[in-house]
Protein backbone atom coordinates (compact mmCIF):
# COMPACT_ATOMS: atom_id res chain seq x y z
CA MET A 1 -69.69 -14.05 -87.26
CA LEU A 2 -73.13 -13.31 -88.73
CA GLU A 3 -73.45 -10.27 -86.48
CA LYS A 4 -70.06 -8.95 -87.61
CA SER A 5 -70.97 -9.51 -91.25
CA TRP A 6 -74.13 -7.49 -90.75
CA LEU A 7 -72.12 -4.71 -89.10
CA VAL A 8 -69.94 -4.58 -92.21
CA LEU A 9 -72.96 -4.37 -94.52
CA ASP A 10 -74.57 -1.72 -92.32
CA ALA A 11 -71.41 0.40 -92.60
CA PHE A 12 -72.39 1.19 -96.19
CA ARG A 13 -75.29 3.38 -95.10
CA PRO A 14 -76.43 5.77 -96.50
CA THR A 15 -74.76 5.73 -99.94
CA GLY A 16 -73.90 2.06 -100.59
CA GLY A 17 -70.24 2.93 -101.17
CA PRO A 18 -67.49 3.37 -102.04
CA LEU A 19 -65.76 2.57 -98.77
CA ARG A 20 -62.11 1.80 -98.12
CA LEU A 21 -61.01 -1.06 -95.92
CA MET A 22 -60.00 1.44 -93.23
CA ASP A 23 -63.46 3.09 -93.39
CA VAL A 24 -65.17 -0.25 -92.72
CA ALA A 25 -62.77 -1.23 -89.94
CA GLN A 26 -63.20 2.10 -88.15
CA HIS A 27 -66.98 2.20 -88.54
CA CYS A 28 -67.39 -1.37 -87.22
CA HIS A 29 -64.65 -1.11 -84.57
CA LEU A 30 -62.96 -4.17 -86.05
CA PRO A 31 -59.28 -4.99 -86.66
CA LYS A 32 -58.30 -4.40 -90.27
CA THR A 33 -57.53 -8.10 -90.71
CA THR A 34 -61.04 -9.07 -89.56
CA ALA A 35 -62.69 -6.42 -91.72
CA PHE A 36 -60.63 -7.54 -94.73
CA ARG A 37 -61.61 -11.18 -94.23
CA LEU A 38 -65.30 -10.36 -93.86
CA LEU A 39 -65.27 -8.11 -96.93
CA ASN A 40 -63.63 -10.89 -98.95
CA GLU A 41 -66.23 -13.43 -97.83
CA LEU A 42 -69.10 -11.03 -98.57
CA THR A 43 -67.58 -10.30 -101.98
CA GLU A 44 -67.42 -14.01 -102.79
CA ILE A 45 -71.18 -14.41 -102.25
CA GLY A 46 -72.09 -11.19 -104.09
CA ALA A 47 -73.21 -9.17 -101.07
CA VAL A 48 -70.28 -6.75 -101.61
CA ALA A 49 -68.56 -5.69 -104.82
CA ARG A 50 -64.96 -4.53 -105.01
CA LYS A 51 -63.87 -1.88 -107.54
CA GLU A 52 -60.75 0.19 -108.04
CA ASN A 53 -61.96 3.01 -105.79
CA GLY A 54 -63.26 0.82 -102.95
CA TYR A 55 -66.03 -1.50 -101.84
CA TYR A 56 -69.73 -1.19 -102.71
CA LEU A 57 -72.87 -3.06 -101.71
CA GLY A 58 -73.39 -5.90 -104.15
CA ARG A 59 -76.20 -6.45 -106.62
CA ARG A 60 -77.27 -9.62 -104.85
CA LEU A 61 -78.52 -7.54 -101.92
CA PHE A 62 -80.66 -5.50 -104.32
CA GLU A 63 -82.10 -8.69 -105.77
CA LEU A 64 -83.03 -10.01 -102.33
CA GLY A 65 -84.30 -6.66 -101.07
CA SER A 66 -86.64 -6.24 -104.01
CA ILE A 67 -88.54 -9.41 -103.07
CA VAL A 68 -89.09 -8.72 -99.37
CA PRO A 69 -92.81 -9.66 -99.25
CA LEU A 70 -94.23 -6.76 -97.22
CA GLU A 71 -92.46 -3.97 -99.09
CA ARG A 72 -92.92 -5.71 -102.46
CA ASP A 73 -96.69 -6.10 -102.02
CA LEU A 74 -97.01 -2.61 -100.57
CA ARG A 75 -95.13 -1.01 -103.47
CA HIS A 76 -97.15 -3.03 -105.98
CA ALA A 77 -100.40 -1.76 -104.46
CA ALA A 78 -99.21 1.82 -103.98
CA LEU A 79 -97.40 2.67 -107.20
CA PRO A 80 -100.50 3.27 -109.40
CA PHE A 81 -101.90 5.69 -106.81
CA MET A 82 -98.52 7.35 -106.35
CA HIS A 83 -98.30 7.96 -110.09
CA ASP A 84 -101.84 9.39 -110.09
CA LEU A 85 -100.90 11.69 -107.21
CA TYR A 86 -97.75 12.79 -109.01
CA GLU A 87 -99.70 13.55 -112.19
CA ALA A 88 -102.20 15.59 -110.17
CA THR A 89 -99.58 17.60 -108.27
CA ARG A 90 -96.28 17.34 -110.19
CA GLU A 91 -94.56 17.23 -106.80
CA THR A 92 -92.46 14.63 -104.98
CA ILE A 93 -94.42 11.62 -103.71
CA HIS A 94 -93.19 9.41 -100.88
CA LEU A 95 -94.21 6.01 -99.51
CA GLY A 96 -92.76 5.07 -96.13
CA VAL A 97 -93.03 2.45 -93.39
CA ARG A 98 -92.10 2.54 -89.73
CA ASP A 99 -88.98 0.84 -88.41
CA GLY A 100 -88.50 1.55 -84.73
CA LEU A 101 -88.35 5.31 -84.22
CA ASP A 102 -87.70 6.03 -87.89
CA VAL A 103 -89.57 6.12 -91.16
CA VAL A 104 -87.94 4.08 -93.92
CA TYR A 105 -88.77 5.21 -97.46
CA VAL A 106 -89.70 2.31 -99.73
CA GLU A 107 -90.68 4.32 -102.82
CA LYS A 108 -90.28 7.86 -104.14
CA ILE A 109 -91.46 9.56 -107.32
CA ARG A 110 -89.99 12.89 -108.33
CA GLY A 111 -89.80 15.01 -111.47
CA HIS A 112 -86.79 16.54 -113.18
CA GLU A 113 -87.32 19.88 -111.44
CA SER A 114 -88.54 18.58 -108.08
CA PHE A 115 -87.50 20.19 -104.82
CA SER A 116 -84.31 18.67 -103.36
CA LEU A 117 -85.09 16.60 -100.27
CA PRO A 118 -83.07 14.53 -97.77
CA SER A 119 -85.25 11.47 -98.36
CA ARG A 120 -84.19 8.54 -100.55
CA VAL A 121 -85.46 5.02 -101.18
CA GLY A 122 -84.00 2.79 -98.48
CA GLY A 123 -83.11 5.79 -96.33
CA ARG A 124 -84.55 6.68 -92.97
CA LEU A 125 -85.48 9.82 -91.05
CA PRO A 126 -86.94 10.38 -87.57
CA LEU A 127 -90.68 9.77 -87.34
CA THR A 128 -91.22 13.06 -85.55
CA CYS A 129 -89.58 15.25 -88.23
CA THR A 130 -91.54 14.10 -91.29
CA GLY A 131 -95.14 14.09 -92.46
CA VAL A 132 -94.98 10.39 -93.30
CA GLY A 133 -93.49 9.70 -89.88
CA LYS A 134 -96.14 11.65 -88.01
CA ALA A 135 -98.91 9.84 -89.90
CA LEU A 136 -97.36 6.51 -88.94
CA LEU A 137 -96.76 7.56 -85.35
CA ALA A 138 -100.30 8.84 -84.78
CA TYR A 139 -101.83 5.46 -85.61
CA SER A 140 -99.19 3.16 -84.04
CA GLY A 141 -101.02 2.75 -80.73
CA PRO A 142 -100.93 4.56 -77.37
CA GLU A 143 -98.07 2.51 -75.90
CA PHE A 144 -95.73 3.30 -78.76
CA ILE A 145 -96.76 6.96 -78.78
CA GLU A 146 -96.02 7.14 -75.05
CA GLU A 147 -92.61 5.57 -75.67
CA VAL A 148 -91.78 8.18 -78.31
CA LEU A 149 -92.95 11.05 -76.10
CA SER A 150 -90.79 9.80 -73.23
CA ARG A 151 -87.59 9.89 -75.30
CA PRO A 152 -85.48 12.90 -76.30
CA LEU A 153 -86.87 14.10 -79.63
CA ARG A 154 -84.41 14.47 -82.49
CA ARG A 155 -83.90 17.72 -84.36
CA LEU A 156 -83.13 18.03 -88.07
CA THR A 157 -83.82 21.77 -88.42
CA PRO A 158 -84.69 24.62 -86.04
CA HIS A 159 -88.34 23.91 -86.86
CA SER A 160 -88.28 20.25 -85.77
CA ILE A 161 -90.61 19.54 -82.84
CA VAL A 162 -88.59 18.71 -79.73
CA ASP A 163 -91.20 19.55 -77.08
CA PRO A 164 -93.15 16.39 -76.09
CA LYS A 165 -96.27 18.39 -75.21
CA ARG A 166 -96.29 20.07 -78.60
CA LEU A 167 -95.76 16.73 -80.33
CA GLU A 168 -98.64 15.22 -78.35
CA GLU A 169 -100.89 18.03 -79.57
CA VAL A 170 -99.79 17.43 -83.16
CA ILE A 171 -100.47 13.69 -82.86
CA GLY A 172 -104.00 14.47 -81.68
CA GLN A 173 -104.52 16.75 -84.67
CA VAL A 174 -103.33 14.02 -87.05
CA GLN A 175 -105.71 11.50 -85.48
CA ALA A 176 -108.62 13.96 -85.79
CA ALA A 177 -107.95 14.98 -89.39
CA GLY A 178 -106.44 11.80 -90.82
CA LEU A 179 -103.65 13.97 -92.22
CA ALA A 180 -100.17 14.94 -91.02
CA TYR A 181 -98.48 18.22 -91.89
CA GLU A 182 -94.81 19.13 -91.83
CA ARG A 183 -93.30 22.55 -92.44
CA GLU A 184 -89.50 22.89 -92.62
CA GLU A 185 -89.06 20.22 -89.92
CA ALA A 186 -87.00 17.87 -92.09
CA GLN A 187 -85.41 20.45 -94.37
CA ARG A 188 -85.50 24.22 -94.65
CA GLY A 189 -87.80 25.47 -97.37
CA GLY A 190 -89.82 22.28 -97.62
CA ALA A 191 -93.27 21.15 -96.51
CA CYS A 192 -95.45 18.09 -96.95
CA ILE A 193 -98.83 16.52 -96.28
CA ALA A 194 -99.14 12.81 -95.47
CA ALA A 195 -101.92 10.31 -94.87
CA PRO A 196 -101.82 6.83 -93.31
CA VAL A 197 -102.27 3.59 -95.23
CA PHE A 198 -104.07 0.74 -93.47
CA SER A 199 -104.27 -3.01 -93.94
CA GLY A 200 -106.33 -5.28 -91.70
CA GLY A 201 -107.16 -2.33 -89.46
CA ALA A 202 -103.52 -1.53 -88.70
CA VAL A 203 -101.37 1.24 -90.12
CA VAL A 204 -98.74 -0.27 -92.44
CA ALA A 205 -97.43 2.76 -94.32
CA ALA A 206 -98.01 6.41 -95.09
CA LEU A 207 -98.14 8.36 -98.32
CA SER A 208 -97.10 11.99 -98.77
CA VAL A 209 -96.63 14.81 -101.22
CA SER A 210 -93.66 17.13 -100.58
CA VAL A 211 -93.39 20.63 -102.00
CA PRO A 212 -91.36 23.82 -101.63
CA LEU A 213 -92.89 25.93 -98.87
CA ALA A 214 -93.81 28.63 -101.40
CA ARG A 215 -96.06 26.12 -103.21
CA PHE A 216 -97.58 24.62 -100.08
CA HIS A 217 -101.36 24.89 -100.47
CA PRO A 218 -102.95 22.41 -98.03
CA THR A 219 -106.52 22.97 -99.19
CA ARG A 220 -105.57 21.87 -102.70
CA LEU A 221 -103.14 19.07 -101.81
CA ALA A 222 -104.83 17.46 -98.79
CA PRO A 223 -107.82 15.88 -100.60
CA ALA A 224 -105.55 14.36 -103.25
CA VAL A 225 -103.22 12.84 -100.64
CA LYS A 226 -106.06 11.45 -98.57
CA THR A 227 -107.77 9.95 -101.63
CA ALA A 228 -104.53 8.29 -102.79
CA ALA A 229 -103.85 6.79 -99.34
CA LEU A 230 -107.41 5.47 -99.16
CA GLY A 231 -106.95 3.90 -102.59
CA VAL A 232 -103.79 2.11 -101.46
CA SER A 233 -105.56 0.87 -98.32
CA ARG A 234 -108.40 -0.55 -100.40
CA ALA A 235 -105.96 -2.18 -102.82
CA LEU A 236 -104.14 -3.85 -99.92
CA THR A 237 -107.46 -5.07 -98.49
CA ARG A 238 -108.39 -6.68 -101.82
CA SER A 239 -105.01 -8.41 -102.02
CA ILE A 240 -105.30 -10.08 -98.59
């Protein structure tokens, strides 16, 4: 029953709702009666909210999610440096962690006129298509890198890297420079620079600045990104 309840909650990706009963039943491959019962039970405990136009994820999940220790401590350490990086660049700043073969975004800062991007807090994208993801991948250890290179690589745009040999070369470049670059691999017209964040000698996150390709000036942006990521790493070290 717990597994089925989680399937129902997971059906709300990526928007959180609204979903109709039929939407949930079809997504989870459940009978409508089972989906209806699970939605009612989840509504009773606040994990789901029901409104006139359908079901939404409930506020109680937000309350619990905001106190997940790793992400909470990471965001607390990173936010001052993310704000500094935003003030220095006036571009979109991301903080992401690795979950399997994806990067999950745990924080994002953007201005009123920032470039539109597919990323969102709580959302995920393939490691291999994003600057944050490449920074995480490059420092996740040889066994994991080998696992990624042995799998079919996902494509988000025509510029996404789907050749394992090319990706292996890029990973080597990230390891040598301490910076990951992405040009139109996640979205047309966009580019970013990312740097890894470490705690206890292991990569725990990555920080990036994303810009329209026309404003992509690596020599100006790279030092700021690297300095911000180093600051977060030091802050995490002091908090251990």
